[in-house]
Structures are given as structure tokens and as C-alpha cells.
Amino acid sequence: MRVPERPIEIKEQLDQCFDLIDDNKLKEAKAKLKELSNLLGHNDSEIVKANTTIDFIKRVE
């Protein structure tokens, strides 16, 4: 029996955050990311990935 890595609700919230990043809505993405960081921790791999992506986009613009 295989158990999902994360609860579905958390996975959906992470997906929403990455959708905001893809849509270049970085302010909204950062707010969502802050909520998720409080739940998952700052060192969670998806949190780190999202923060790195946002930082990269900001530097390129």
C-alpha cells in the first residue's frame, strides 16, 4: 500500500504557489510561500525550490 508523500491539501497549495510563480505573480507567491513555510519549515525541498525560483526571476528582470 502506497501512501502519498504529502497530504493532498499541502500538495495543492504548493501547486498553487508554483502556478503563481509561473504567472509572474511573485508578491502573491511569496505570501503563499510564507504560509507554507510556517507549515512545512524553511528547509523543505519544495519551499527552497520556490524561493530559489522567485529569487532567480527577480534577478533576471
C-alpha atoms as a PDB file:
ATOM      1  CA  MET A   1       0.000   0.000   0.000  1.00  0.00           C
ATOM      2  CA  ARG A   2       1.497   3.290  -1.096  1.00  0.00           C
ATOM      3  CA  VAL A   3       0.933   6.437   0.965  1.00  0.00           C
ATOM      4  CA  PRO A   4       1.278   9.854  -0.688  1.00  0.00           C
ATOM      5  CA  GLU A   5       4.363  11.830   0.259  1.00  0.00           C
ATOM      6  CA  ARG A   6       2.295  14.816   1.367  1.00  0.00           C
ATOM      7  CA  PRO A   7      -1.320  15.399   2.228  1.00  0.00           C
ATOM      8  CA  ILE A   8      -3.344  16.361  -0.832  1.00  0.00           C
ATOM      9  CA  GLU A   9      -4.181  19.795   0.648  1.00  0.00           C
ATOM     10  CA  ILE A  10      -0.497  20.670   1.024  1.00  0.00           C
ATOM     11  CA  LYS A  11       0.297  19.398  -2.474  1.00  0.00           C
ATOM     12  CA  GLU A  12      -2.490  21.590  -3.891  1.00  0.00           C
ATOM     13  CA  GLN A  13      -1.195  24.636  -2.019  1.00  0.00           C
ATOM     14  CA  LEU A  14       2.316  24.025  -3.340  1.00  0.00           C
ATOM     15  CA  ASP A  15       0.900  23.687  -6.860  1.00  0.00           C
ATOM     16  CA  GLN A  16      -0.950  26.995  -6.406  1.00  0.00           C
ATOM     17  CA  CYS A  17       2.270  28.658  -5.295  1.00  0.00           C
ATOM     18  CA  PHE A  18       4.161  27.403  -8.350  1.00  0.00           C
ATOM     19  CA  ASP A  19       1.257  28.478 -10.597  1.00  0.00           C
ATOM     20  CA  LEU A  20       1.554  31.992  -9.157  1.00  0.00           C
ATOM     21  CA  ILE A  21       5.285  31.945  -9.869  1.00  0.00           C
ATOM     22  CA  ASP A  22       4.634  30.762 -13.436  1.00  0.00           C
ATOM     23  CA  ASP A  23       2.160  33.626 -13.866  1.00  0.00           C
ATOM     24  CA  ASN A  24       4.816  36.065 -12.562  1.00  0.00           C
ATOM     25  CA  LYS A  25       2.623  36.955  -9.581  1.00  0.00           C
ATOM     26  CA  LEU A  26       5.610  36.967  -7.295  1.00  0.00           C
ATOM     27  CA  LYS A  27       4.108  39.030  -4.486  1.00  0.00           C
ATOM     28  CA  GLU A  28       1.182  36.616  -4.141  1.00  0.00           C
ATOM     29  CA  ALA A  29       3.528  33.650  -4.471  1.00  0.00           C
ATOM     30  CA  LYS A  30       5.729  34.970  -1.643  1.00  0.00           C
ATOM     31  CA  ALA A  31       2.675  35.370   0.611  1.00  0.00           C
ATOM     32  CA  LYS A  32       1.553  31.807  -0.133  1.00  0.00           C
ATOM     33  CA  LEU A  33       5.100  30.590   0.356  1.00  0.00           C
ATOM     34  CA  LYS A  34       5.283  32.221   3.771  1.00  0.00           C
ATOM     35  CA  GLU A  35       2.161  30.323   4.870  1.00  0.00           C
ATOM     36  CA  LEU A  36       3.589  27.072   3.550  1.00  0.00           C
ATOM     37  CA  SER A  37       6.955  27.727   5.209  1.00  0.00           C
ATOM     38  CA  ASN A  38       5.199  28.009   8.544  1.00  0.00           C
ATOM     39  CA  LEU A  39       3.605  24.610   7.961  1.00  0.00           C
ATOM     40  CA  LEU A  40       6.473  22.736   6.328  1.00  0.00           C
ATOM     41  CA  GLY A  41       9.564  24.528   7.568  1.00  0.00           C
ATOM     42  CA  HIS A  42      12.022  26.741   5.728  1.00  0.00           C
ATOM     43  CA  ASN A  43      14.233  23.808   4.731  1.00  0.00           C
ATOM     44  CA  ASP A  44      11.529  21.817   2.965  1.00  0.00           C
ATOM     45  CA  SER A  45      12.760  20.990  -0.547  1.00  0.00           C
ATOM     46  CA  GLU A  46       9.726  22.487  -2.314  1.00  0.00           C
ATOM     47  CA  ILE A  47       9.917  25.663  -0.212  1.00  0.00           C
ATOM     48  CA  VAL A  48      13.606  26.044  -1.052  1.00  0.00           C
ATOM     49  CA  LYS A  49      12.870  25.392  -4.736  1.00  0.00           C
ATOM     50  CA  ALA A  50      10.102  28.021  -4.820  1.00  0.00           C
ATOM     51  CA  ASN A  51      12.228  30.626  -3.021  1.00  0.00           C
ATOM     52  CA  THR A  52      15.159  29.970  -5.354  1.00  0.00           C
ATOM     53  CA  THR A  53      12.918  30.280  -8.403  1.00  0.00           C
ATOM     54  CA  ILE A  54      11.487  33.589  -7.197  1.00  0.00           C
ATOM     55  CA  ASP A  55      14.966  34.948  -6.419  1.00  0.00           C
ATOM     56  CA  PHE A  56      16.185  33.910  -9.870  1.00  0.00           C
ATOM     57  CA  ILE A  57      13.238  35.576 -11.634  1.00  0.00           C
ATOM     58  CA  LYS A  58      13.777  38.802  -9.680  1.00  0.00           C
ATOM     59  CA  ARG A  59      17.464  38.898 -10.636  1.00  0.00           C
ATOM     60  CA  VAL A  60      16.791  38.269 -14.303  1.00  0.00           C
ATOM     61  CA  GLU A  61      14.163  41.007 -14.619  1.00  0.00           C
END
